[in-house]
Amino acid sequence: MRDRPEAGLLAGALACLPPAMLGWVGMTFVAPGLLRTGGALAGAVACCAFLAMGATARGLPLAGEVPTCWINRTTAPYDRWSWTGAGAVAVQIVLVSLGVAAA
């Protein structure tokens, strides 16, 4: 992705779709309160993390390239944002599910 940074941004934008859809489900089917607010906040965090993940994809190695040093690996920011986004989506799924079950 280093040779095509727009592909990383597109991937990040596409990764934002599931948290945005879950945010819509939460705002539509969950009664107002803590679960609805928490689900919306988790979705916003996930969307921002996935966009940041796409922006840092330009640091990924090219095809066939192996990073020379594990400590200075270029994928660390990408991995960090990827795991942050995935964790926020997991929290969002739990909050929305609890909210829908309680409604």
N, C-alpha and C. Protein backbone atom coordinates (compact mmCIF):
# COMPACT_ATOMS: atom_id res chain seq x y z
N MET A 1 0.81 -1.19 0.00
CA MET A 1 0.00 0.00 0.00
C MET A 1 0.86 1.26 0.00
N ARG A 2 2.15 1.09 0.22
CA ARG A 2 3.00 2.26 0.27
C ARG A 2 3.06 2.96 -1.07
N ASP A 3 2.95 2.19 -2.16
CA ASP A 3 3.00 2.82 -3.47
C ASP A 3 1.66 3.40 -3.88
N ARG A 4 0.56 3.07 -3.16
CA ARG A 4 -0.77 3.62 -3.45
C ARG A 4 -1.47 3.99 -2.15
N PRO A 5 -1.15 5.17 -1.58
CA PRO A 5 -1.75 5.53 -0.28
C PRO A 5 -3.26 5.69 -0.34
N GLU A 6 -3.80 6.01 -1.52
CA GLU A 6 -5.26 6.14 -1.60
C GLU A 6 -5.96 4.81 -1.37
N ALA A 7 -5.29 3.71 -1.66
CA ALA A 7 -5.89 2.39 -1.39
C ALA A 7 -6.03 2.18 0.11
N GLY A 8 -5.06 2.64 0.89
CA GLY A 8 -5.17 2.52 2.35
C GLY A 8 -6.30 3.35 2.91
N LEU A 9 -6.47 4.56 2.37
CA LEU A 9 -7.59 5.40 2.82
C LEU A 9 -8.93 4.80 2.43
N LEU A 10 -9.00 4.19 1.25
CA LEU A 10 -10.24 3.53 0.83
C LEU A 10 -10.54 2.35 1.75
N ALA A 11 -9.51 1.56 2.07
CA ALA A 11 -9.71 0.43 2.98
C ALA A 11 -10.17 0.90 4.36
N GLY A 12 -9.59 2.00 4.85
CA GLY A 12 -10.01 2.54 6.13
C GLY A 12 -11.45 3.04 6.10
N ALA A 13 -11.82 3.68 4.99
CA ALA A 13 -13.20 4.17 4.86
C ALA A 13 -14.19 3.00 4.78
N LEU A 14 -13.82 1.95 4.08
CA LEU A 14 -14.69 0.78 3.99
C LEU A 14 -14.79 0.07 5.34
N ALA A 15 -13.70 0.08 6.10
CA ALA A 15 -13.74 -0.54 7.43
C ALA A 15 -14.63 0.25 8.38
N CYS A 16 -14.91 1.51 8.07
CA CYS A 16 -15.81 2.33 8.90
C CYS A 16 -17.28 1.97 8.70
N LEU A 17 -17.60 1.26 7.65
CA LEU A 17 -19.01 0.96 7.38
C LEU A 17 -19.68 0.11 8.47
N PRO A 18 -19.07 -1.01 8.92
CA PRO A 18 -19.75 -1.79 9.98
C PRO A 18 -20.01 -1.00 11.26
N PRO A 19 -19.03 -0.22 11.81
CA PRO A 19 -19.37 0.54 13.01
C PRO A 19 -20.43 1.60 12.75
N ALA A 20 -20.43 2.17 11.55
CA ALA A 20 -21.46 3.16 11.23
C ALA A 20 -22.84 2.50 11.16
N MET A 21 -22.90 1.32 10.57
CA MET A 21 -24.19 0.61 10.51
C MET A 21 -24.65 0.19 11.90
N LEU A 22 -23.71 -0.27 12.73
CA LEU A 22 -24.09 -0.62 14.10
C LEU A 22 -24.53 0.62 14.88
N GLY A 23 -23.91 1.75 14.58
CA GLY A 23 -24.34 3.00 15.21
C GLY A 23 -25.76 3.35 14.82
N TRP A 24 -26.10 3.14 13.55
CA TRP A 24 -27.47 3.39 13.10
C TRP A 24 -28.44 2.44 13.80
N VAL A 25 -28.07 1.17 13.91
CA VAL A 25 -28.93 0.19 14.60
C VAL A 25 -29.12 0.62 16.05
N GLY A 26 -28.04 1.03 16.70
CA GLY A 26 -28.15 1.45 18.10
C GLY A 26 -29.01 2.68 18.27
N MET A 27 -28.87 3.64 17.36
CA MET A 27 -29.67 4.87 17.48
C MET A 27 -31.13 4.62 17.12
N THR A 28 -31.39 3.58 16.34
CA THR A 28 -32.77 3.30 15.91
C THR A 28 -33.51 2.38 16.88
N PHE A 29 -32.84 1.34 17.35
CA PHE A 29 -33.55 0.30 18.10
C PHE A 29 -33.25 0.26 19.59
N VAL A 30 -32.33 1.09 20.07
CA VAL A 30 -32.00 1.09 21.50
C VAL A 30 -32.63 2.32 22.14
N ALA A 31 -33.26 2.11 23.28
CA ALA A 31 -33.88 3.23 23.99
C ALA A 31 -32.81 4.22 24.44
N PRO A 32 -33.14 5.52 24.48
CA PRO A 32 -32.15 6.52 24.92
C PRO A 32 -31.63 6.19 26.31
N GLY A 33 -30.36 6.38 26.47
CA GLY A 33 -29.73 6.11 27.77
C GLY A 33 -28.27 5.80 27.59
N LEU A 34 -27.71 5.18 28.62
CA LEU A 34 -26.28 4.90 28.66
C LEU A 34 -25.84 3.93 27.57
N LEU A 35 -26.63 2.89 27.31
CA LEU A 35 -26.25 1.93 26.28
C LEU A 35 -26.24 2.56 24.89
N ARG A 36 -27.20 3.40 24.62
CA ARG A 36 -27.27 4.07 23.32
C ARG A 36 -26.09 5.02 23.14
N THR A 37 -25.80 5.80 24.17
CA THR A 37 -24.68 6.74 24.11
C THR A 37 -23.36 6.01 24.01
N GLY A 38 -23.19 4.96 24.80
CA GLY A 38 -21.95 4.18 24.77
C GLY A 38 -21.73 3.52 23.42
N GLY A 39 -22.80 2.99 22.83
CA GLY A 39 -22.69 2.38 21.51
C GLY A 39 -22.30 3.39 20.45
N ALA A 40 -22.88 4.58 20.52
CA ALA A 40 -22.55 5.62 19.55
C ALA A 40 -21.10 6.09 19.72
N LEU A 41 -20.65 6.24 20.97
CA LEU A 41 -19.27 6.65 21.21
C LEU A 41 -18.28 5.57 20.77
N ALA A 42 -18.59 4.31 21.04
CA ALA A 42 -17.71 3.23 20.60
C ALA A 42 -17.64 3.18 19.08
N GLY A 43 -18.76 3.43 18.41
CA GLY A 43 -18.76 3.48 16.96
C GLY A 43 -17.92 4.62 16.41
N ALA A 44 -17.98 5.76 17.07
CA ALA A 44 -17.17 6.91 16.64
C ALA A 44 -15.68 6.62 16.83
N VAL A 45 -15.33 6.00 17.95
CA VAL A 45 -13.93 5.63 18.18
C VAL A 45 -13.46 4.63 17.13
N ALA A 46 -14.31 3.64 16.83
CA ALA A 46 -13.94 2.64 15.83
C ALA A 46 -13.74 3.27 14.46
N CYS A 47 -14.64 4.16 14.07
CA CYS A 47 -14.50 4.82 12.77
C CYS A 47 -13.22 5.63 12.69
N CYS A 48 -12.92 6.39 13.73
CA CYS A 48 -11.68 7.18 13.73
C CYS A 48 -10.45 6.28 13.70
N ALA A 49 -10.48 5.18 14.45
CA ALA A 49 -9.34 4.26 14.47
C ALA A 49 -9.14 3.62 13.10
N PHE A 50 -10.23 3.24 12.44
CA PHE A 50 -10.09 2.62 11.12
C PHE A 50 -9.62 3.62 10.07
N LEU A 51 -10.04 4.87 10.18
CA LEU A 51 -9.52 5.89 9.26
C LEU A 51 -8.03 6.12 9.51
N ALA A 52 -7.63 6.15 10.78
CA ALA A 52 -6.21 6.29 11.09
C ALA A 52 -5.42 5.07 10.61
N MET A 53 -6.03 3.89 10.72
CA MET A 53 -5.39 2.68 10.22
C MET A 53 -5.14 2.79 8.72
N GLY A 54 -6.13 3.28 7.99
CA GLY A 54 -5.96 3.46 6.55
C GLY A 54 -4.90 4.49 6.22
N ALA A 55 -4.82 5.54 7.03
CA ALA A 55 -3.82 6.58 6.77
C ALA A 55 -2.41 6.09 7.05
N THR A 56 -2.25 5.18 8.01
CA THR A 56 -0.92 4.65 8.32
C THR A 56 -0.55 3.46 7.47
N ALA A 57 -1.43 3.03 6.58
CA ALA A 57 -1.13 1.87 5.73
C ALA A 57 0.03 2.16 4.79
N ARG A 58 0.36 3.42 4.59
CA ARG A 58 1.48 3.74 3.71
C ARG A 58 2.81 3.28 4.31
N GLY A 59 2.84 2.94 5.58
CA GLY A 59 4.05 2.44 6.20
C GLY A 59 4.20 0.93 6.10
N LEU A 60 3.22 0.24 5.52
CA LEU A 60 3.30 -1.21 5.38
C LEU A 60 4.39 -1.57 4.38
N PRO A 61 5.01 -2.73 4.55
CA PRO A 61 6.05 -3.12 3.61
C PRO A 61 5.46 -3.42 2.23
N LEU A 62 6.28 -3.21 1.22
CA LEU A 62 5.88 -3.55 -0.14
C LEU A 62 5.86 -5.07 -0.29
N ALA A 63 5.22 -5.56 -1.33
CA ALA A 63 5.15 -7.00 -1.56
C ALA A 63 6.56 -7.57 -1.69
N GLY A 64 6.84 -8.60 -0.91
CA GLY A 64 8.15 -9.23 -0.94
C GLY A 64 9.17 -8.57 -0.05
N GLU A 65 8.86 -7.44 0.54
CA GLU A 65 9.80 -6.73 1.40
C GLU A 65 9.64 -7.22 2.84
N VAL A 66 10.75 -7.46 3.50
CA VAL A 66 10.73 -7.92 4.89
C VAL A 66 11.35 -6.83 5.76
N PRO A 67 10.65 -6.36 6.79
CA PRO A 67 11.26 -5.36 7.67
C PRO A 67 12.54 -5.91 8.29
N THR A 68 13.56 -5.08 8.37
CA THR A 68 14.86 -5.56 8.82
C THR A 68 14.96 -5.66 10.33
N CYS A 69 14.23 -4.86 11.06
CA CYS A 69 14.34 -4.87 12.51
C CYS A 69 12.96 -4.91 13.14
N TRP A 70 12.73 -5.85 14.01
CA TRP A 70 11.42 -5.99 14.64
C TRP A 70 11.08 -4.79 15.51
N ILE A 71 12.08 -4.21 16.18
CA ILE A 71 11.83 -3.07 17.07
C ILE A 71 11.36 -1.86 16.27
N ASN A 72 11.95 -1.63 15.14
CA ASN A 72 11.59 -0.47 14.33
C ASN A 72 10.64 -0.83 13.19
N ARG A 73 9.82 -1.82 13.40
CA ARG A 73 8.95 -2.23 12.30
C ARG A 73 7.97 -1.13 11.94
N THR A 74 7.72 -1.05 10.68
CA THR A 74 6.90 0.05 10.17
C THR A 74 5.42 -0.22 10.33
N THR A 75 5.03 -1.43 10.69
CA THR A 75 3.61 -1.75 10.79
C THR A 75 3.03 -1.47 12.16
N ALA A 76 3.84 -1.03 13.13
CA ALA A 76 3.35 -0.83 14.50
C ALA A 76 2.16 0.13 14.58
N PRO A 77 2.19 1.32 13.95
CA PRO A 77 1.01 2.19 14.03
C PRO A 77 -0.22 1.57 13.38
N TYR A 78 -0.03 0.91 12.26
CA TYR A 78 -1.15 0.25 11.57
C TYR A 78 -1.78 -0.80 12.47
N ASP A 79 -0.93 -1.65 13.08
CA ASP A 79 -1.44 -2.70 13.96
C ASP A 79 -2.16 -2.11 15.17
N ARG A 80 -1.59 -1.06 15.74
CA ARG A 80 -2.20 -0.44 16.92
C ARG A 80 -3.59 0.10 16.59
N TRP A 81 -3.72 0.81 15.47
CA TRP A 81 -5.03 1.35 15.09
C TRP A 81 -6.00 0.24 14.71
N SER A 82 -5.49 -0.81 14.10
CA SER A 82 -6.33 -1.94 13.73
C SER A 82 -6.93 -2.60 14.97
N TRP A 83 -6.11 -2.85 15.99
CA TRP A 83 -6.61 -3.47 17.21
C TRP A 83 -7.51 -2.53 18.01
N THR A 84 -7.21 -1.24 17.99
CA THR A 84 -8.08 -0.27 18.66
C THR A 84 -9.46 -0.27 18.02
N GLY A 85 -9.50 -0.23 16.69
CA GLY A 85 -10.79 -0.25 15.98
C GLY A 85 -11.56 -1.53 16.23
N ALA A 86 -10.86 -2.66 16.19
CA ALA A 86 -11.54 -3.94 16.42
C ALA A 86 -12.08 -4.03 17.84
N GLY A 87 -11.32 -3.54 18.81
CA GLY A 87 -11.79 -3.55 20.20
C GLY A 87 -12.99 -2.65 20.40
N ALA A 88 -12.98 -1.48 19.75
CA ALA A 88 -14.12 -0.57 19.87
C ALA A 88 -15.37 -1.16 19.22
N VAL A 89 -15.20 -1.87 18.10
CA VAL A 89 -16.35 -2.52 17.46
C VAL A 89 -16.89 -3.62 18.37
N ALA A 90 -16.02 -4.37 19.03
CA ALA A 90 -16.49 -5.41 19.95
C ALA A 90 -17.29 -4.81 21.10
N VAL A 91 -16.79 -3.70 21.66
CA VAL A 91 -17.54 -3.01 22.73
C VAL A 91 -18.88 -2.51 22.19
N GLN A 92 -18.87 -1.97 20.98
CA GLN A 92 -20.09 -1.46 20.38
C GLN A 92 -21.11 -2.58 20.17
N ILE A 93 -20.66 -3.73 19.71
CA ILE A 93 -21.57 -4.86 19.50
C ILE A 93 -22.21 -5.28 20.82
N VAL A 94 -21.42 -5.35 21.87
CA VAL A 94 -21.96 -5.74 23.18
C VAL A 94 -22.98 -4.71 23.66
N LEU A 95 -22.66 -3.43 23.58
CA LEU A 95 -23.59 -2.39 24.06
C LEU A 95 -24.88 -2.36 23.26
N VAL A 96 -24.76 -2.45 21.94
CA VAL A 96 -25.97 -2.44 21.10
C VAL A 96 -26.81 -3.69 21.35
N SER A 97 -26.15 -4.84 21.50
CA SER A 97 -26.90 -6.07 21.77
C SER A 97 -27.63 -6.00 23.10
N LEU A 98 -26.96 -5.50 24.12
CA LEU A 98 -27.63 -5.35 25.41
C LEU A 98 -28.78 -4.36 25.32
N GLY A 99 -28.57 -3.29 24.57
CA GLY A 99 -29.64 -2.29 24.43
C GLY A 99 -30.84 -2.80 23.67
N VAL A 100 -30.60 -3.57 22.62
CA VAL A 100 -31.71 -4.14 21.84
C VAL A 100 -32.44 -5.18 22.69
N ALA A 101 -31.69 -5.98 23.45
CA ALA A 101 -32.33 -6.99 24.30
C ALA A 101 -33.15 -6.35 25.40
N ALA A 102 -32.72 -5.20 25.88
CA ALA A 102 -33.45 -4.53 26.97
C ALA A 102 -34.66 -3.75 26.46
N ALA A 103 -34.70 -3.45 25.18
CA ALA A 103 -35.80 -2.64 24.64
C ALA A 103 -37.07 -3.44 24.49
